[in-house]
Amino acid sequence: MGKYRPPRVRKYGRGAIKCQRCGSHDAIIRKYGIYLCRQCFRELAVSLGFRKYS
């Protein structure tokens, strides 16, 4: 039997940071220290003070 190796903790790259709201690792918005996935950001953008221009 081999030695037990604990799972590697990612410090950078894809999967290193979780969404603060839902815990997802995909499409994290880190600019301005937001740390939300894009789906949560779309739900909270207006309350955070962002406006949509088109």
N, C-alpha and C. Protein backbone atom coordinates (compact mmCIF):
# COMPACT_ATOMS: atom_id res chain seq x y z
N MET A 1 0.83 -1.19 0.00
CA MET A 1 0.00 0.00 0.00
C MET A 1 0.87 1.25 0.00
N GLY A 2 0.44 2.25 -0.73
CA GLY A 2 1.20 3.49 -0.82
C GLY A 2 0.87 4.44 0.32
N LYS A 3 1.63 5.49 0.38
CA LYS A 3 1.39 6.50 1.40
C LYS A 3 0.20 7.36 1.00
N TYR A 4 -0.52 7.85 1.99
CA TYR A 4 -1.65 8.73 1.75
C TYR A 4 -1.15 10.12 1.38
N ARG A 5 -1.67 10.68 0.30
CA ARG A 5 -1.33 12.03 -0.11
C ARG A 5 -2.59 12.88 -0.05
N PRO A 6 -2.59 13.94 0.75
CA PRO A 6 -3.78 14.80 0.80
C PRO A 6 -3.98 15.51 -0.53
N PRO A 7 -5.21 15.91 -0.85
CA PRO A 7 -5.45 16.60 -2.11
C PRO A 7 -4.68 17.91 -2.18
N ARG A 8 -4.23 18.23 -3.38
CA ARG A 8 -3.44 19.45 -3.60
C ARG A 8 -4.35 20.67 -3.54
N VAL A 9 -3.95 21.67 -2.80
CA VAL A 9 -4.71 22.91 -2.71
C VAL A 9 -4.19 23.87 -3.77
N ARG A 10 -5.09 24.33 -4.62
CA ARG A 10 -4.68 25.24 -5.69
C ARG A 10 -4.51 26.65 -5.14
N LYS A 11 -3.39 27.27 -5.48
CA LYS A 11 -3.12 28.63 -5.02
C LYS A 11 -3.37 29.66 -6.13
N TYR A 12 -3.38 29.19 -7.38
CA TYR A 12 -3.60 30.08 -8.51
C TYR A 12 -4.18 29.26 -9.65
N GLY A 13 -4.71 29.94 -10.67
CA GLY A 13 -5.28 29.26 -11.83
C GLY A 13 -6.74 28.90 -11.63
N ARG A 14 -7.25 28.16 -12.59
CA ARG A 14 -8.66 27.78 -12.58
C ARG A 14 -8.98 26.88 -11.39
N GLY A 15 -9.99 27.21 -10.64
CA GLY A 15 -10.40 26.41 -9.51
C GLY A 15 -9.76 26.82 -8.19
N ALA A 16 -8.95 27.86 -8.20
CA ALA A 16 -8.28 28.28 -6.98
C ALA A 16 -9.19 29.11 -6.09
N ILE A 17 -10.13 29.83 -6.69
CA ILE A 17 -10.97 30.75 -5.94
C ILE A 17 -12.43 30.36 -6.12
N LYS A 18 -13.21 30.42 -5.04
CA LYS A 18 -14.63 30.10 -5.09
C LYS A 18 -15.45 31.38 -5.05
N CYS A 19 -16.64 31.29 -5.58
CA CYS A 19 -17.61 32.38 -5.47
C CYS A 19 -17.98 32.52 -4.00
N GLN A 20 -18.01 33.76 -3.51
CA GLN A 20 -18.35 33.98 -2.10
C GLN A 20 -19.80 33.70 -1.81
N ARG A 21 -20.63 33.71 -2.84
CA ARG A 21 -22.06 33.53 -2.62
C ARG A 21 -22.51 32.08 -2.78
N CYS A 22 -22.11 31.42 -3.88
CA CYS A 22 -22.62 30.08 -4.16
C CYS A 22 -21.56 28.99 -4.08
N GLY A 23 -20.27 29.36 -4.07
CA GLY A 23 -19.21 28.37 -3.96
C GLY A 23 -18.75 27.78 -5.28
N SER A 24 -19.21 28.29 -6.40
CA SER A 24 -18.81 27.80 -7.71
C SER A 24 -17.37 28.21 -8.01
N HIS A 25 -16.67 27.40 -8.81
CA HIS A 25 -15.30 27.71 -9.20
C HIS A 25 -15.23 28.26 -10.62
N ASP A 26 -16.35 28.39 -11.32
CA ASP A 26 -16.36 28.78 -12.73
C ASP A 26 -16.64 30.26 -12.90
N ALA A 27 -15.90 30.91 -13.81
CA ALA A 27 -16.13 32.29 -14.25
C ALA A 27 -16.20 33.26 -13.07
N ILE A 28 -15.16 33.33 -12.27
CA ILE A 28 -15.13 34.21 -11.11
C ILE A 28 -14.69 35.61 -11.54
N ILE A 29 -15.43 36.63 -11.10
CA ILE A 29 -15.09 38.02 -11.36
C ILE A 29 -14.33 38.51 -10.14
N ARG A 30 -13.02 38.79 -10.35
CA ARG A 30 -12.16 39.19 -9.24
C ARG A 30 -11.87 40.68 -9.21
N LYS A 31 -12.21 41.38 -10.28
CA LYS A 31 -11.91 42.80 -10.35
C LYS A 31 -12.63 43.55 -9.23
N TYR A 32 -11.97 44.53 -8.66
CA TYR A 32 -12.47 45.33 -7.54
C TYR A 32 -12.69 44.50 -6.28
N GLY A 33 -12.15 43.28 -6.21
CA GLY A 33 -12.31 42.45 -5.02
C GLY A 33 -13.70 41.88 -4.85
N ILE A 34 -14.42 41.67 -5.96
CA ILE A 34 -15.81 41.20 -5.90
C ILE A 34 -15.88 39.71 -5.58
N TYR A 35 -15.12 38.88 -6.28
CA TYR A 35 -15.06 37.43 -6.09
C TYR A 35 -16.44 36.76 -6.13
N LEU A 36 -17.18 37.03 -7.20
CA LEU A 36 -18.47 36.40 -7.45
C LEU A 36 -18.42 35.72 -8.81
N CYS A 37 -19.16 34.63 -8.98
CA CYS A 37 -19.27 34.03 -10.30
C CYS A 37 -20.16 34.94 -11.14
N ARG A 38 -20.13 34.75 -12.44
CA ARG A 38 -20.86 35.68 -13.31
C ARG A 38 -22.37 35.61 -13.11
N GLN A 39 -22.90 34.44 -12.76
CA GLN A 39 -24.33 34.33 -12.53
C GLN A 39 -24.76 35.13 -11.29
N CYS A 40 -24.00 35.00 -10.21
CA CYS A 40 -24.31 35.75 -8.99
C CYS A 40 -24.10 37.24 -9.21
N PHE A 41 -23.07 37.59 -9.99
CA PHE A 41 -22.82 39.00 -10.28
C PHE A 41 -23.99 39.62 -11.02
N ARG A 42 -24.55 38.91 -11.99
CA ARG A 42 -25.70 39.45 -12.74
C ARG A 42 -26.89 39.70 -11.84
N GLU A 43 -27.09 38.84 -10.83
CA GLU A 43 -28.21 39.02 -9.90
C GLU A 43 -27.98 40.19 -8.95
N LEU A 44 -26.74 40.45 -8.58
CA LEU A 44 -26.43 41.47 -7.58
C LEU A 44 -25.88 42.77 -8.14
N ALA A 45 -25.68 42.86 -9.45
CA ALA A 45 -24.98 44.00 -10.04
C ALA A 45 -25.65 45.33 -9.73
N VAL A 46 -26.95 45.41 -9.83
CA VAL A 46 -27.65 46.67 -9.59
C VAL A 46 -27.51 47.09 -8.13
N SER A 47 -27.63 46.14 -7.21
CA SER A 47 -27.50 46.47 -5.79
C SER A 47 -26.06 46.84 -5.41
N LEU A 48 -25.08 46.39 -6.21
CA LEU A 48 -23.69 46.76 -5.98
C LEU A 48 -23.34 48.11 -6.60
N GLY A 49 -24.25 48.66 -7.41
CA GLY A 49 -24.03 49.98 -7.99
C GLY A 49 -23.58 49.96 -9.44
N PHE A 50 -23.62 48.82 -10.10
CA PHE A 50 -23.24 48.73 -11.51
C PHE A 50 -24.47 49.00 -12.37
N ARG A 51 -24.24 49.64 -13.53
CA ARG A 51 -25.33 49.91 -14.47
C ARG A 51 -25.01 49.26 -15.79
N LYS A 52 -26.04 48.84 -16.50
CA LYS A 52 -25.87 48.21 -17.79
C LYS A 52 -26.02 49.25 -18.89
N TYR A 53 -25.00 49.34 -19.73
CA TYR A 53 -25.02 50.24 -20.89
C TYR A 53 -25.09 49.37 -22.15
N SER A 54 -25.96 49.77 -23.09
CA SER A 54 -26.01 48.97 -24.32
C SER A 54 -26.27 49.84 -25.54
